[in-house]
N, C-alpha and C. Protein backbone atom coordinates (compact mmCIF):
# COMPACT_ATOMS: atom_id res chain seq x y z
N MET A 1 43.08 -25.88 25.34
CA MET A 1 43.69 -24.59 25.15
C MET A 1 43.13 -23.90 23.89
N ARG A 2 43.00 -24.70 22.80
CA ARG A 2 42.47 -24.12 21.57
C ARG A 2 41.04 -23.62 21.78
N ARG A 3 40.28 -24.38 22.57
CA ARG A 3 38.89 -23.98 22.85
C ARG A 3 38.86 -22.65 23.59
N ILE A 4 39.72 -22.45 24.55
CA ILE A 4 39.77 -21.19 25.30
C ILE A 4 40.18 -20.05 24.37
N LEU A 5 41.19 -20.31 23.53
CA LEU A 5 41.64 -19.29 22.59
C LEU A 5 40.52 -18.92 21.61
N PHE A 6 39.78 -19.94 21.11
CA PHE A 6 38.66 -19.68 20.20
C PHE A 6 37.59 -18.84 20.89
N CYS A 7 37.23 -19.20 22.13
CA CYS A 7 36.21 -18.45 22.87
C CYS A 7 36.65 -17.01 23.10
N ALA A 8 37.90 -16.81 23.46
CA ALA A 8 38.42 -15.45 23.69
C ALA A 8 38.38 -14.65 22.39
N MET A 9 38.75 -15.30 21.29
CA MET A 9 38.73 -14.62 20.00
C MET A 9 37.29 -14.26 19.59
N TRP A 10 36.35 -15.18 19.80
CA TRP A 10 34.95 -14.94 19.46
C TRP A 10 34.39 -13.79 20.29
N LEU A 11 34.64 -13.80 21.60
CA LEU A 11 34.17 -12.72 22.46
C LEU A 11 34.79 -11.39 22.07
N GLY A 12 36.05 -11.40 21.67
CA GLY A 12 36.72 -10.17 21.24
C GLY A 12 36.09 -9.61 19.97
N MET A 13 35.75 -10.49 19.02
CA MET A 13 35.11 -10.03 17.79
C MET A 13 33.73 -9.47 18.08
N ALA A 14 32.98 -10.14 18.96
CA ALA A 14 31.64 -9.67 19.30
C ALA A 14 31.73 -8.33 20.01
N GLY A 15 32.71 -8.19 20.92
CA GLY A 15 32.87 -6.92 21.64
C GLY A 15 33.30 -5.79 20.74
N CYS A 16 34.01 -6.08 19.68
CA CYS A 16 34.45 -5.04 18.74
C CYS A 16 33.40 -4.73 17.69
N GLY A 17 32.30 -5.45 17.69
CA GLY A 17 31.24 -5.18 16.73
C GLY A 17 31.39 -5.93 15.42
N ILE A 18 32.37 -6.81 15.33
CA ILE A 18 32.58 -7.53 14.08
C ILE A 18 31.41 -8.47 13.81
N LEU A 19 30.87 -9.09 14.85
CA LEU A 19 29.74 -10.00 14.66
C LEU A 19 28.40 -9.28 14.72
N ASP A 20 28.38 -8.03 15.16
CA ASP A 20 27.15 -7.24 15.26
C ASP A 20 26.87 -6.62 13.90
N PRO A 21 25.75 -6.96 13.26
CA PRO A 21 25.50 -6.41 11.93
C PRO A 21 25.28 -4.89 11.95
N GLY A 22 24.90 -4.32 13.11
CA GLY A 22 24.70 -2.87 13.20
C GLY A 22 23.47 -2.42 12.45
N PRO A 23 23.39 -1.12 12.15
CA PRO A 23 22.21 -0.58 11.48
C PRO A 23 22.02 -1.17 10.08
N VAL A 24 20.78 -1.26 9.68
CA VAL A 24 20.42 -1.78 8.36
C VAL A 24 19.74 -0.65 7.59
N GLN A 25 20.09 -0.49 6.32
CA GLN A 25 19.38 0.49 5.49
C GLN A 25 18.31 -0.23 4.70
N ARG A 26 17.17 0.47 4.54
CA ARG A 26 16.02 -0.12 3.85
C ARG A 26 15.36 0.96 3.01
N GLU A 27 15.04 0.64 1.76
CA GLU A 27 14.32 1.58 0.89
C GLU A 27 12.83 1.26 0.98
N LEU A 28 12.03 2.28 1.32
CA LEU A 28 10.60 2.12 1.51
C LEU A 28 9.82 3.07 0.62
N GLU A 29 8.70 2.58 0.11
CA GLU A 29 7.73 3.45 -0.57
C GLU A 29 6.67 3.79 0.47
N VAL A 30 6.35 5.08 0.59
CA VAL A 30 5.35 5.54 1.56
C VAL A 30 4.10 5.94 0.78
N ALA A 31 2.96 5.36 1.16
CA ALA A 31 1.68 5.66 0.49
C ALA A 31 1.34 7.14 0.67
N PRO A 32 0.54 7.70 -0.25
CA PRO A 32 0.18 9.12 -0.18
C PRO A 32 -0.95 9.43 0.80
N TYR A 33 -1.33 8.47 1.60
CA TYR A 33 -2.39 8.65 2.60
C TYR A 33 -2.05 7.82 3.82
N LYS A 34 -2.68 8.14 4.94
CA LYS A 34 -2.52 7.36 6.16
C LYS A 34 -3.77 6.51 6.37
N VAL A 35 -3.66 5.55 7.27
CA VAL A 35 -4.80 4.71 7.62
C VAL A 35 -4.97 4.69 9.13
N GLY A 36 -6.18 4.38 9.57
CA GLY A 36 -6.43 4.25 10.99
C GLY A 36 -5.72 3.03 11.54
N CYS A 37 -5.16 3.16 12.74
CA CYS A 37 -4.48 2.04 13.38
C CYS A 37 -4.63 2.20 14.89
N VAL A 38 -4.31 1.15 15.60
CA VAL A 38 -4.39 1.20 17.06
C VAL A 38 -3.08 0.72 17.63
N GLY A 39 -2.42 1.57 18.38
CA GLY A 39 -1.20 1.21 19.10
C GLY A 39 -1.52 1.36 20.57
N VAL A 40 -0.94 2.38 21.20
CA VAL A 40 -1.29 2.71 22.58
C VAL A 40 -2.75 3.15 22.60
N GLY A 41 -3.18 3.82 21.55
CA GLY A 41 -4.56 4.25 21.36
C GLY A 41 -4.79 4.41 19.87
N PRO A 42 -6.00 4.79 19.46
CA PRO A 42 -6.25 4.96 18.03
C PRO A 42 -5.49 6.16 17.48
N ARG A 43 -4.98 6.02 16.27
CA ARG A 43 -4.27 7.11 15.61
C ARG A 43 -4.18 6.80 14.12
N LEU A 44 -3.55 7.69 13.36
CA LEU A 44 -3.33 7.46 11.94
C LEU A 44 -1.88 7.05 11.73
N CYS A 45 -1.67 6.04 10.90
CA CYS A 45 -0.33 5.50 10.67
C CYS A 45 0.02 5.52 9.19
N LEU A 46 1.33 5.50 8.93
CA LEU A 46 1.83 5.41 7.56
C LEU A 46 1.60 4.01 7.00
N GLN A 47 1.45 3.93 5.69
CA GLN A 47 1.45 2.67 4.96
C GLN A 47 2.75 2.65 4.17
N VAL A 48 3.54 1.58 4.32
CA VAL A 48 4.82 1.48 3.63
C VAL A 48 4.95 0.10 3.01
N ARG A 49 5.84 0.00 2.05
CA ARG A 49 6.22 -1.30 1.49
C ARG A 49 7.64 -1.19 0.97
N ASP A 50 8.33 -2.33 0.98
CA ASP A 50 9.67 -2.36 0.42
C ASP A 50 9.55 -2.09 -1.08
N SER A 51 10.54 -1.41 -1.63
CA SER A 51 10.51 -1.13 -3.07
C SER A 51 10.35 -2.43 -3.85
N GLY A 52 9.38 -2.44 -4.74
CA GLY A 52 9.10 -3.62 -5.55
C GLY A 52 8.08 -4.57 -4.96
N ALA A 53 7.73 -4.40 -3.69
CA ALA A 53 6.73 -5.28 -3.06
C ALA A 53 5.32 -4.80 -3.42
N SER A 54 4.34 -5.70 -3.33
CA SER A 54 2.98 -5.30 -3.68
C SER A 54 2.12 -5.02 -2.45
N ALA A 55 2.41 -5.68 -1.34
CA ALA A 55 1.56 -5.53 -0.15
C ALA A 55 2.05 -4.38 0.74
N TRP A 56 1.10 -3.57 1.21
CA TRP A 56 1.40 -2.48 2.13
C TRP A 56 1.41 -3.03 3.56
N GLU A 57 2.23 -2.43 4.40
CA GLU A 57 2.22 -2.75 5.82
C GLU A 57 2.09 -1.45 6.61
N THR A 58 1.53 -1.55 7.79
CA THR A 58 1.33 -0.37 8.62
C THR A 58 2.59 -0.10 9.42
N LEU A 59 3.03 1.14 9.40
CA LEU A 59 4.19 1.56 10.18
C LEU A 59 3.68 2.43 11.32
N TYR A 60 3.79 1.92 12.53
CA TYR A 60 3.19 2.57 13.68
C TYR A 60 3.99 3.78 14.17
N GLU A 61 5.30 3.82 13.89
CA GLU A 61 6.13 4.96 14.27
C GLU A 61 6.72 5.59 13.02
N THR A 62 6.52 6.89 12.88
CA THR A 62 7.09 7.61 11.75
C THR A 62 8.60 7.66 11.90
N PRO A 63 9.36 7.41 10.83
CA PRO A 63 10.81 7.50 10.93
C PRO A 63 11.25 8.89 11.42
N VAL A 64 12.26 8.91 12.27
CA VAL A 64 12.79 10.16 12.80
C VAL A 64 13.30 11.01 11.64
N GLY A 65 12.82 12.24 11.55
CA GLY A 65 13.26 13.16 10.50
C GLY A 65 12.41 13.13 9.24
N PHE A 66 11.41 12.24 9.17
CA PHE A 66 10.58 12.13 7.97
C PHE A 66 9.35 13.03 8.08
N ALA A 67 9.05 13.74 7.00
CA ALA A 67 7.87 14.60 6.94
C ALA A 67 6.87 14.02 5.94
N PHE A 68 5.77 13.47 6.45
CA PHE A 68 4.72 12.91 5.59
C PHE A 68 3.96 14.04 4.92
N GLU A 69 3.54 13.83 3.65
CA GLU A 69 2.73 14.80 2.92
C GLU A 69 1.53 14.06 2.33
N TRP A 70 0.31 14.50 2.69
CA TRP A 70 -0.90 13.91 2.12
C TRP A 70 -0.90 14.10 0.61
N GLY A 71 -1.22 13.05 -0.14
CA GLY A 71 -1.32 13.13 -1.59
C GLY A 71 0.01 12.98 -2.31
N VAL A 72 1.09 12.74 -1.58
CA VAL A 72 2.42 12.60 -2.19
C VAL A 72 2.99 11.23 -1.84
N ARG A 73 3.29 10.46 -2.89
CA ARG A 73 3.96 9.17 -2.68
C ARG A 73 5.46 9.44 -2.62
N GLN A 74 6.10 8.93 -1.57
CA GLN A 74 7.54 9.16 -1.40
C GLN A 74 8.28 7.84 -1.34
N VAL A 75 9.47 7.83 -1.89
CA VAL A 75 10.39 6.70 -1.73
C VAL A 75 11.52 7.24 -0.86
N ILE A 76 11.77 6.54 0.25
CA ILE A 76 12.77 7.02 1.20
C ILE A 76 13.72 5.88 1.56
N VAL A 77 14.89 6.26 2.04
CA VAL A 77 15.83 5.29 2.60
C VAL A 77 15.92 5.58 4.09
N VAL A 78 15.69 4.53 4.88
CA VAL A 78 15.76 4.66 6.34
C VAL A 78 16.88 3.76 6.87
N ARG A 79 17.40 4.18 8.00
CA ARG A 79 18.37 3.36 8.74
C ARG A 79 17.63 2.76 9.93
N GLU A 80 17.65 1.44 10.04
CA GLU A 80 16.96 0.76 11.12
C GLU A 80 17.97 0.28 12.15
N GLU A 81 17.67 0.57 13.42
CA GLU A 81 18.54 0.14 14.51
C GLU A 81 17.70 -0.50 15.61
N GLU A 82 18.27 -1.47 16.26
CA GLU A 82 17.61 -2.11 17.41
C GLU A 82 17.65 -1.15 18.59
N ARG A 83 16.54 -1.06 19.32
CA ARG A 83 16.50 -0.26 20.55
C ARG A 83 16.91 -1.14 21.72
N ASP A 84 17.68 -0.58 22.61
CA ASP A 84 18.03 -1.29 23.83
C ASP A 84 18.23 -0.27 24.93
N PRO A 85 17.38 -0.22 25.88
CA PRO A 85 16.20 -1.05 26.10
C PRO A 85 15.03 -0.57 25.24
N VAL A 86 14.04 -1.43 25.10
CA VAL A 86 12.85 -1.09 24.32
C VAL A 86 11.85 -0.41 25.27
N PRO A 87 11.44 0.85 24.96
CA PRO A 87 10.44 1.52 25.81
C PRO A 87 9.10 0.78 25.75
N ALA A 88 8.32 0.93 26.82
CA ALA A 88 6.99 0.32 26.85
C ALA A 88 6.16 0.83 25.69
N ASP A 89 5.41 -0.06 25.05
CA ASP A 89 4.52 0.28 23.94
C ASP A 89 5.24 0.91 22.75
N ALA A 90 6.48 0.51 22.51
CA ALA A 90 7.23 1.03 21.36
C ALA A 90 7.81 -0.15 20.59
N SER A 91 8.17 0.12 19.36
CA SER A 91 8.79 -0.90 18.52
C SER A 91 10.21 -1.18 19.01
N SER A 92 10.70 -2.37 18.75
CA SER A 92 12.08 -2.70 19.10
C SER A 92 13.05 -2.12 18.09
N ILE A 93 12.50 -1.57 17.00
CA ILE A 93 13.33 -0.97 15.94
C ILE A 93 13.01 0.51 15.84
N VAL A 94 14.04 1.33 15.79
CA VAL A 94 13.87 2.76 15.54
C VAL A 94 14.40 3.04 14.12
N ARG A 95 13.64 3.84 13.37
CA ARG A 95 14.03 4.17 11.99
C ARG A 95 14.38 5.64 11.89
N HIS A 96 15.46 5.93 11.18
CA HIS A 96 15.90 7.30 10.94
C HIS A 96 15.91 7.54 9.44
N LEU A 97 15.38 8.67 9.02
CA LEU A 97 15.41 9.01 7.60
C LEU A 97 16.85 9.28 7.19
N GLU A 98 17.31 8.59 6.16
CA GLU A 98 18.64 8.84 5.59
C GLU A 98 18.53 9.83 4.43
N ARG A 99 17.54 9.56 3.54
CA ARG A 99 17.34 10.49 2.41
C ARG A 99 15.99 10.19 1.75
N VAL A 100 15.50 11.20 1.04
CA VAL A 100 14.30 11.05 0.22
C VAL A 100 14.78 10.80 -1.20
N VAL A 101 14.40 9.66 -1.75
CA VAL A 101 14.81 9.28 -3.10
C VAL A 101 13.94 9.99 -4.13
N SER A 102 12.61 10.00 -3.90
CA SER A 102 11.71 10.65 -4.85
C SER A 102 10.41 11.04 -4.17
N LYS A 103 9.74 12.03 -4.76
CA LYS A 103 8.40 12.45 -4.36
C LYS A 103 7.57 12.57 -5.61
N THR A 104 6.38 11.96 -5.61
CA THR A 104 5.49 11.99 -6.76
C THR A 104 4.07 12.25 -6.28
N SER A 105 3.40 13.21 -6.89
CA SER A 105 2.00 13.45 -6.53
C SER A 105 1.17 12.26 -6.97
N ALA A 106 0.29 11.81 -6.09
CA ALA A 106 -0.60 10.69 -6.43
C ALA A 106 -1.64 11.16 -7.42
N ALA A 107 -2.16 10.24 -8.17
CA ALA A 107 -3.18 10.58 -9.16
C ALA A 107 -4.43 11.12 -8.46
N ALA A 108 -4.96 12.21 -8.99
CA ALA A 108 -6.21 12.75 -8.45
C ALA A 108 -7.28 11.67 -8.55
N GLY A 109 -8.08 11.55 -7.50
CA GLY A 109 -9.14 10.55 -7.50
C GLY A 109 -8.73 9.22 -6.89
N THR A 110 -7.46 9.07 -6.48
CA THR A 110 -7.05 7.85 -5.80
C THR A 110 -7.89 7.68 -4.55
N ARG A 111 -8.55 6.53 -4.40
CA ARG A 111 -9.45 6.30 -3.26
C ARG A 111 -8.78 5.46 -2.19
N PHE A 112 -9.17 5.74 -0.94
CA PHE A 112 -8.71 4.96 0.19
C PHE A 112 -9.73 5.08 1.31
N ASP A 113 -9.71 4.11 2.22
CA ASP A 113 -10.62 4.13 3.38
C ASP A 113 -9.88 4.67 4.59
N LEU A 114 -10.57 5.48 5.36
CA LEU A 114 -10.00 6.05 6.57
C LEU A 114 -11.02 5.93 7.69
N GLY A 115 -10.72 5.10 8.68
CA GLY A 115 -11.58 4.95 9.85
C GLY A 115 -11.03 5.78 10.99
N VAL A 116 -11.87 6.60 11.60
CA VAL A 116 -11.42 7.45 12.70
C VAL A 116 -12.42 7.39 13.86
N PRO A 117 -11.94 7.55 15.08
CA PRO A 117 -12.87 7.66 16.20
C PRO A 117 -13.77 8.89 15.99
N SER A 118 -15.03 8.75 16.30
CA SER A 118 -15.99 9.83 16.07
C SER A 118 -15.57 11.18 16.65
N PRO A 119 -15.00 11.22 17.88
CA PRO A 119 -14.62 12.52 18.43
C PRO A 119 -13.53 13.25 17.64
N TRP A 120 -12.84 12.55 16.74
CA TRP A 120 -11.79 13.19 15.95
C TRP A 120 -12.34 14.08 14.85
N LEU A 121 -13.60 13.89 14.48
CA LEU A 121 -14.20 14.67 13.40
C LEU A 121 -14.68 16.01 13.95
N GLN A 122 -14.33 17.08 13.26
CA GLN A 122 -14.75 18.40 13.69
C GLN A 122 -15.13 19.24 12.48
N SER A 123 -16.17 20.02 12.64
CA SER A 123 -16.62 20.89 11.56
C SER A 123 -15.65 22.06 11.43
N THR A 124 -15.15 22.28 10.22
CA THR A 124 -14.26 23.42 9.99
C THR A 124 -14.97 24.53 9.22
N SER A 125 -16.02 24.15 8.51
CA SER A 125 -16.89 25.10 7.82
C SER A 125 -18.18 24.33 7.54
N GLY A 126 -19.09 24.92 6.87
CA GLY A 126 -20.34 24.22 6.57
C GLY A 126 -20.16 23.04 5.63
N THR A 127 -19.10 23.05 4.83
CA THR A 127 -18.95 22.02 3.80
C THR A 127 -17.70 21.16 3.96
N THR A 128 -16.92 21.38 5.03
CA THR A 128 -15.72 20.57 5.24
C THR A 128 -15.60 20.12 6.69
N LEU A 129 -14.91 19.01 6.85
CA LEU A 129 -14.60 18.47 8.17
C LEU A 129 -13.09 18.46 8.34
N GLY A 130 -12.65 18.55 9.58
CA GLY A 130 -11.25 18.36 9.91
C GLY A 130 -11.11 17.04 10.64
N VAL A 131 -9.91 16.48 10.62
CA VAL A 131 -9.61 15.26 11.35
C VAL A 131 -8.56 15.62 12.38
N LEU A 132 -8.89 15.43 13.64
CA LEU A 132 -8.05 15.82 14.76
C LEU A 132 -6.59 15.42 14.54
N GLY A 133 -5.71 16.38 14.68
CA GLY A 133 -4.28 16.10 14.61
C GLY A 133 -3.71 15.98 13.21
N GLU A 134 -4.51 16.15 12.17
CA GLU A 134 -4.02 16.03 10.80
C GLU A 134 -4.26 17.33 10.04
N PRO A 135 -3.31 17.73 9.20
CA PRO A 135 -3.46 18.97 8.44
C PRO A 135 -4.26 18.76 7.17
N ILE A 136 -5.44 18.18 7.28
CA ILE A 136 -6.27 17.91 6.11
C ILE A 136 -7.69 18.42 6.33
N GLN A 137 -8.36 18.66 5.23
CA GLN A 137 -9.78 18.99 5.23
C GLN A 137 -10.48 17.94 4.38
N VAL A 138 -11.69 17.60 4.77
CA VAL A 138 -12.51 16.64 4.02
C VAL A 138 -13.73 17.37 3.50
N ALA A 139 -13.85 17.47 2.17
CA ALA A 139 -15.00 18.13 1.54
C ALA A 139 -16.15 17.14 1.50
N CYS A 140 -17.25 17.50 2.18
CA CYS A 140 -18.37 16.57 2.25
C CYS A 140 -19.70 17.23 1.88
N GLY A 141 -19.68 18.51 1.51
CA GLY A 141 -20.93 19.19 1.17
C GLY A 141 -21.76 19.44 2.41
N ASP A 142 -22.70 20.36 2.32
CA ASP A 142 -23.53 20.72 3.49
C ASP A 142 -24.21 19.52 4.11
N GLU A 143 -24.93 18.76 3.29
CA GLU A 143 -25.72 17.65 3.79
C GLU A 143 -24.84 16.53 4.36
N GLY A 144 -23.78 16.18 3.66
CA GLY A 144 -22.89 15.11 4.11
C GLY A 144 -22.21 15.41 5.44
N CYS A 145 -21.74 16.64 5.61
CA CYS A 145 -21.08 17.02 6.87
C CYS A 145 -22.05 16.92 8.04
N VAL A 146 -23.25 17.42 7.84
CA VAL A 146 -24.26 17.39 8.91
C VAL A 146 -24.58 15.95 9.28
N GLN A 147 -24.78 15.08 8.28
CA GLN A 147 -25.12 13.67 8.55
C GLN A 147 -24.00 12.96 9.31
N ILE A 148 -22.77 13.17 8.90
CA ILE A 148 -21.64 12.51 9.57
C ILE A 148 -21.53 12.99 11.01
N LEU A 149 -21.61 14.29 11.23
CA LEU A 149 -21.47 14.82 12.59
C LEU A 149 -22.62 14.35 13.49
N GLN A 150 -23.83 14.23 12.94
CA GLN A 150 -24.95 13.71 13.72
C GLN A 150 -24.71 12.24 14.07
N ALA A 151 -24.26 11.45 13.11
CA ALA A 151 -23.99 10.03 13.36
C ALA A 151 -22.85 9.86 14.37
N ALA A 152 -21.86 10.74 14.29
CA ALA A 152 -20.70 10.65 15.19
C ALA A 152 -21.08 10.83 16.66
N GLU A 153 -22.23 11.43 16.92
CA GLU A 153 -22.67 11.61 18.30
C GLU A 153 -23.12 10.31 18.94
N SER A 154 -23.47 9.30 18.12
CA SER A 154 -24.02 8.06 18.69
C SER A 154 -23.23 6.80 18.36
N VAL A 155 -22.14 6.91 17.60
CA VAL A 155 -21.31 5.74 17.30
C VAL A 155 -19.85 6.06 17.64
N PRO A 156 -19.06 5.02 17.95
CA PRO A 156 -17.67 5.28 18.34
C PRO A 156 -16.72 5.57 17.18
N ARG A 157 -17.10 5.16 15.95
CA ARG A 157 -16.15 5.27 14.84
C ARG A 157 -16.89 5.53 13.54
N ILE A 158 -16.25 6.27 12.64
CA ILE A 158 -16.78 6.53 11.30
C ILE A 158 -15.73 6.04 10.29
N LEU A 159 -16.18 5.26 9.31
CA LEU A 159 -15.31 4.81 8.23
C LEU A 159 -15.67 5.61 6.99
N MET A 160 -14.68 6.35 6.45
CA MET A 160 -14.92 7.19 5.28
C MET A 160 -14.13 6.66 4.09
N THR A 161 -14.71 6.72 2.91
CA THR A 161 -13.99 6.48 1.67
C THR A 161 -13.70 7.86 1.09
N LEU A 162 -12.41 8.14 0.90
CA LEU A 162 -11.97 9.46 0.46
C LEU A 162 -11.22 9.37 -0.85
N GLU A 163 -11.21 10.49 -1.59
CA GLU A 163 -10.43 10.60 -2.81
C GLU A 163 -9.38 11.68 -2.61
N LEU A 164 -8.17 11.40 -3.10
CA LEU A 164 -7.12 12.41 -3.05
C LEU A 164 -7.43 13.53 -4.04
N PRO A 165 -7.07 14.77 -3.69
CA PRO A 165 -7.35 15.90 -4.57
C PRO A 165 -6.35 15.98 -5.73
N GLY A 166 -6.57 16.95 -6.58
CA GLY A 166 -5.69 17.15 -7.72
C GLY A 166 -4.41 17.88 -7.39
N GLY A 167 -4.33 18.54 -6.24
CA GLY A 167 -3.12 19.29 -5.90
C GLY A 167 -2.94 19.41 -4.40
N PRO A 168 -1.72 19.78 -3.99
CA PRO A 168 -1.45 19.91 -2.56
C PRO A 168 -2.28 21.03 -1.93
N GLY A 169 -2.71 20.79 -0.70
CA GLY A 169 -3.47 21.80 0.03
C GLY A 169 -4.97 21.78 -0.25
N GLU A 170 -5.40 21.05 -1.28
CA GLU A 170 -6.83 20.97 -1.58
C GLU A 170 -7.47 19.93 -0.66
N PRO A 171 -8.78 20.08 -0.36
CA PRO A 171 -9.42 19.10 0.52
C PRO A 171 -9.56 17.74 -0.14
N LEU A 172 -9.55 16.70 0.71
CA LEU A 172 -9.88 15.36 0.26
C LEU A 172 -11.38 15.34 -0.01
N THR A 173 -11.84 14.50 -0.92
CA THR A 173 -13.26 14.44 -1.24
C THR A 173 -13.87 13.20 -0.64
N LEU A 174 -14.93 13.38 0.13
CA LEU A 174 -15.67 12.27 0.72
C LEU A 174 -16.61 11.70 -0.33
N THR A 175 -16.51 10.38 -0.58
CA THR A 175 -17.41 9.75 -1.56
C THR A 175 -18.50 8.93 -0.87
N GLU A 176 -18.17 8.30 0.26
CA GLU A 176 -19.16 7.60 1.06
C GLU A 176 -18.62 7.44 2.47
N TRP A 177 -19.52 7.09 3.38
CA TRP A 177 -19.11 6.91 4.77
C TRP A 177 -20.00 5.89 5.45
N ARG A 178 -19.52 5.32 6.54
CA ARG A 178 -20.26 4.29 7.28
C ARG A 178 -20.12 4.53 8.78
N PRO A 179 -21.23 4.52 9.51
CA PRO A 179 -21.12 4.54 10.97
C PRO A 179 -20.76 3.13 11.46
N CYS A 180 -19.90 3.05 12.46
CA CYS A 180 -19.45 1.76 12.98
C CYS A 180 -19.81 1.65 14.46
N GLN A 181 -20.46 0.57 14.83
CA GLN A 181 -20.95 0.40 16.19
C GLN A 181 -19.87 -0.01 17.18
N ALA A 182 -18.76 -0.54 16.70
CA ALA A 182 -17.67 -0.96 17.60
C ALA A 182 -16.34 -0.51 17.01
N GLU A 183 -15.33 -0.38 17.88
CA GLU A 183 -14.01 0.09 17.44
C GLU A 183 -13.46 -0.73 16.28
N GLY A 184 -13.43 -2.04 16.40
CA GLY A 184 -12.87 -2.86 15.34
C GLY A 184 -13.90 -3.69 14.62
N GLY A 185 -15.17 -3.49 14.96
CA GLY A 185 -16.23 -4.33 14.42
C GLY A 185 -16.73 -3.87 13.07
N PRO A 186 -17.78 -4.53 12.60
CA PRO A 186 -18.35 -4.21 11.29
C PRO A 186 -19.04 -2.84 11.30
N CYS A 187 -19.18 -2.30 10.12
CA CYS A 187 -19.83 -1.00 9.95
C CYS A 187 -21.12 -1.18 9.17
N ALA A 188 -21.98 -0.20 9.27
CA ALA A 188 -23.25 -0.21 8.54
C ALA A 188 -22.98 -0.10 7.04
N PRO A 189 -23.98 -0.38 6.20
CA PRO A 189 -23.81 -0.17 4.76
C PRO A 189 -23.44 1.30 4.49
N PRO A 190 -22.71 1.54 3.40
CA PRO A 190 -22.25 2.90 3.14
C PRO A 190 -23.38 3.89 2.81
N ALA A 191 -23.18 5.11 3.24
CA ALA A 191 -24.09 6.21 2.89
C ALA A 191 -23.36 7.04 1.83
N ARG A 192 -23.94 7.14 0.66
CA ARG A 192 -23.32 7.92 -0.42
C ARG A 192 -23.51 9.40 -0.14
N VAL A 193 -22.56 10.17 -0.60
CA VAL A 193 -22.61 11.62 -0.42
C VAL A 193 -23.23 12.23 -1.64
N ARG A 194 -24.31 12.98 -1.45
CA ARG A 194 -24.95 13.68 -2.58
C ARG A 194 -24.38 15.07 -2.66
N ARG A 195 -24.07 15.49 -3.85
CA ARG A 195 -23.48 16.83 -4.04
C ARG A 195 -24.44 17.71 -4.79
């Protein structure tokens, strides 16, 4: 009898949500740049880390309600919930922005690597490139832009080393780039950009 009563009590607590931990809040630092990643297909993803952690991790889905800004490091609080059912090719966790704790402009000259599929690169002027789907410009100079676009015609991916600008809305600066013969494979030695 006690066993039945215990089971009924346990099921009642689980049904009322007492045993269900529910949503979890997490404070994340968001890097001031995105990186290339592959989920359903190639795209650019956020880099995040728990406050105080040193290693960055790739976040394949942007938190609901979060607005990423190139060149701005943000600390945010998100609410994480389990998805049920989990859609095909999606995370089992959905994140919702609760609040932005802080926004800080990254230091001018901060360098990062960005690998993109070649078709994503598009000429926006003689001296800048655009990256498909992103509100950024890459300053590469006349010669650098021409070389990258020519290489992009014969390779599937380009790996660029970029520097963050000194202010919002300014183009990123291309310092070097590498043509890559395979999606995830090695790339050629870097080609420096002459200005």
